[in-house]
Amino acid sequence: MPLYPASARKRGIEGRVLLQVEVDAAGLPVLIRLVESSGSEALDRAALDAVRQWKFKPARRANHPIAATVTIPIHFRLDSVAVAATLEKEAAQ
């Protein structure tokens, strides 16, 4: 999970970061795009830093792992951090 930046928490900053992630067939993020900023550089950076370290379960076609793109909204709330991912499309082969 992304770590809530202490500086943002102290100032009561909340927000949603929307990332688009290209995931290779091995489950590694190869390209991460900031689609929608939270309005806070600290929250955006925390989301990007966390996702760079993730390993995903790759999408599959005919039982073989393939590259794909997922959209990941990350909600920073003072009482929690929530993450959900949606498979967007298969990457070009």
Protein backbone atom coordinates (compact mmCIF):
# COMPACT_ATOMS: atom_id res chain seq x y z
CA MET A 1 0.00 0.00 0.00
CA PRO A 2 1.18 3.55 -0.61
CA LEU A 3 2.44 5.32 2.47
CA TYR A 4 0.48 8.42 3.42
CA PRO A 5 3.04 11.26 3.37
CA ALA A 6 3.39 12.67 6.89
CA SER A 7 3.50 16.24 5.56
CA ALA A 8 0.18 15.79 3.75
CA ARG A 9 -1.44 14.06 6.71
CA LYS A 10 -0.29 16.81 9.08
CA ARG A 11 -1.92 19.44 6.83
CA GLY A 12 -5.11 17.38 6.44
CA ILE A 13 -4.64 16.86 2.70
CA GLU A 14 -6.71 14.13 1.08
CA GLY A 15 -7.12 13.22 -2.58
CA ARG A 16 -7.37 10.67 -5.36
CA VAL A 17 -4.53 9.79 -7.72
CA LEU A 18 -5.37 8.00 -10.96
CA LEU A 19 -2.55 6.02 -12.56
CA GLN A 20 -2.38 4.07 -15.80
CA VAL A 21 0.13 1.23 -15.61
CA GLU A 22 1.50 -0.89 -18.42
CA VAL A 23 2.31 -4.29 -16.95
CA ASP A 24 4.53 -6.76 -18.81
CA ALA A 25 3.91 -10.49 -19.09
CA ALA A 26 6.10 -11.06 -16.02
CA GLY A 27 3.83 -8.81 -13.93
CA LEU A 28 6.26 -5.89 -13.68
CA PRO A 29 5.17 -2.28 -14.20
CA VAL A 30 7.07 -1.01 -17.24
CA LEU A 31 5.39 2.38 -17.68
CA ILE A 32 3.37 4.39 -15.17
CA ARG A 33 1.41 7.47 -16.23
CA LEU A 34 -0.19 10.00 -13.91
CA VAL A 35 -3.64 10.33 -15.50
CA GLU A 36 -5.22 12.47 -12.80
CA SER A 37 -3.41 14.35 -10.05
CA SER A 38 -4.72 14.55 -6.52
CA GLY A 39 -3.72 18.20 -6.47
CA SER A 40 -0.97 17.34 -4.01
CA GLU A 41 2.53 16.63 -5.30
CA ALA A 42 3.26 14.62 -2.14
CA LEU A 43 0.25 12.30 -2.63
CA ASP A 44 0.99 11.88 -6.35
CA ARG A 45 4.62 11.01 -5.60
CA ALA A 46 3.64 8.52 -2.87
CA ALA A 47 1.29 6.74 -5.27
CA LEU A 48 3.87 6.60 -8.07
CA ASP A 49 6.63 5.40 -5.72
CA ALA A 50 4.43 2.60 -4.35
CA VAL A 51 3.26 1.30 -7.73
CA ARG A 52 6.85 1.24 -9.08
CA GLN A 53 7.59 -1.43 -6.44
CA TRP A 54 4.54 -3.61 -7.07
CA LYS A 55 4.48 -6.94 -8.83
CA PHE A 56 1.18 -7.63 -10.57
CA LYS A 57 -0.53 -10.87 -11.45
CA PRO A 58 -0.27 -10.68 -15.26
CA ALA A 59 -3.28 -10.80 -17.53
CA ARG A 60 -3.69 -14.08 -19.38
CA ARG A 61 -4.78 -15.16 -22.84
CA ALA A 62 -5.24 -18.85 -23.58
CA ASN A 63 -3.62 -19.53 -20.20
CA HIS A 64 -0.44 -17.62 -21.15
CA PRO A 65 0.65 -14.43 -19.38
CA ILE A 66 0.44 -11.31 -21.55
CA ALA A 67 1.21 -7.62 -21.21
CA ALA A 68 -1.75 -5.38 -20.37
CA THR A 69 -2.66 -1.92 -19.16
CA VAL A 70 -4.51 -1.28 -15.88
CA THR A 71 -5.98 1.85 -14.40
CA ILE A 72 -5.40 2.25 -10.68
CA PRO A 73 -7.21 4.81 -8.54
CA ILE A 74 -5.56 5.42 -5.17
CA HIS A 75 -7.63 7.27 -2.58
CA PHE A 76 -5.76 8.98 0.22
CA ARG A 77 -8.07 9.72 3.14
CA LEU A 78 -6.91 10.72 6.56
CA ASP A 79 -8.40 7.53 8.02
CA SER A 80 -7.26 5.15 5.23
CA VAL A 81 -5.63 4.55 1.86
CA ALA A 82 -7.67 2.56 -0.67
CA VAL A 83 -6.53 1.01 -3.96
CA ALA A 84 -8.51 -0.64 -6.74
CA ALA A 85 -7.30 -1.74 -10.18
CA THR A 86 -9.20 -2.27 -13.40
CA LEU A 87 -7.88 -4.10 -16.43
CA GLU A 88 -8.08 -1.57 -19.23
CA LYS A 89 -6.67 -3.25 -22.31
CA GLU A 90 -4.15 -5.72 -23.49
CA ALA A 91 -0.89 -4.16 -24.59
CA ALA A 92 -0.05 -4.34 -28.27
CA GLN A 93 1.78 -7.50 -29.15
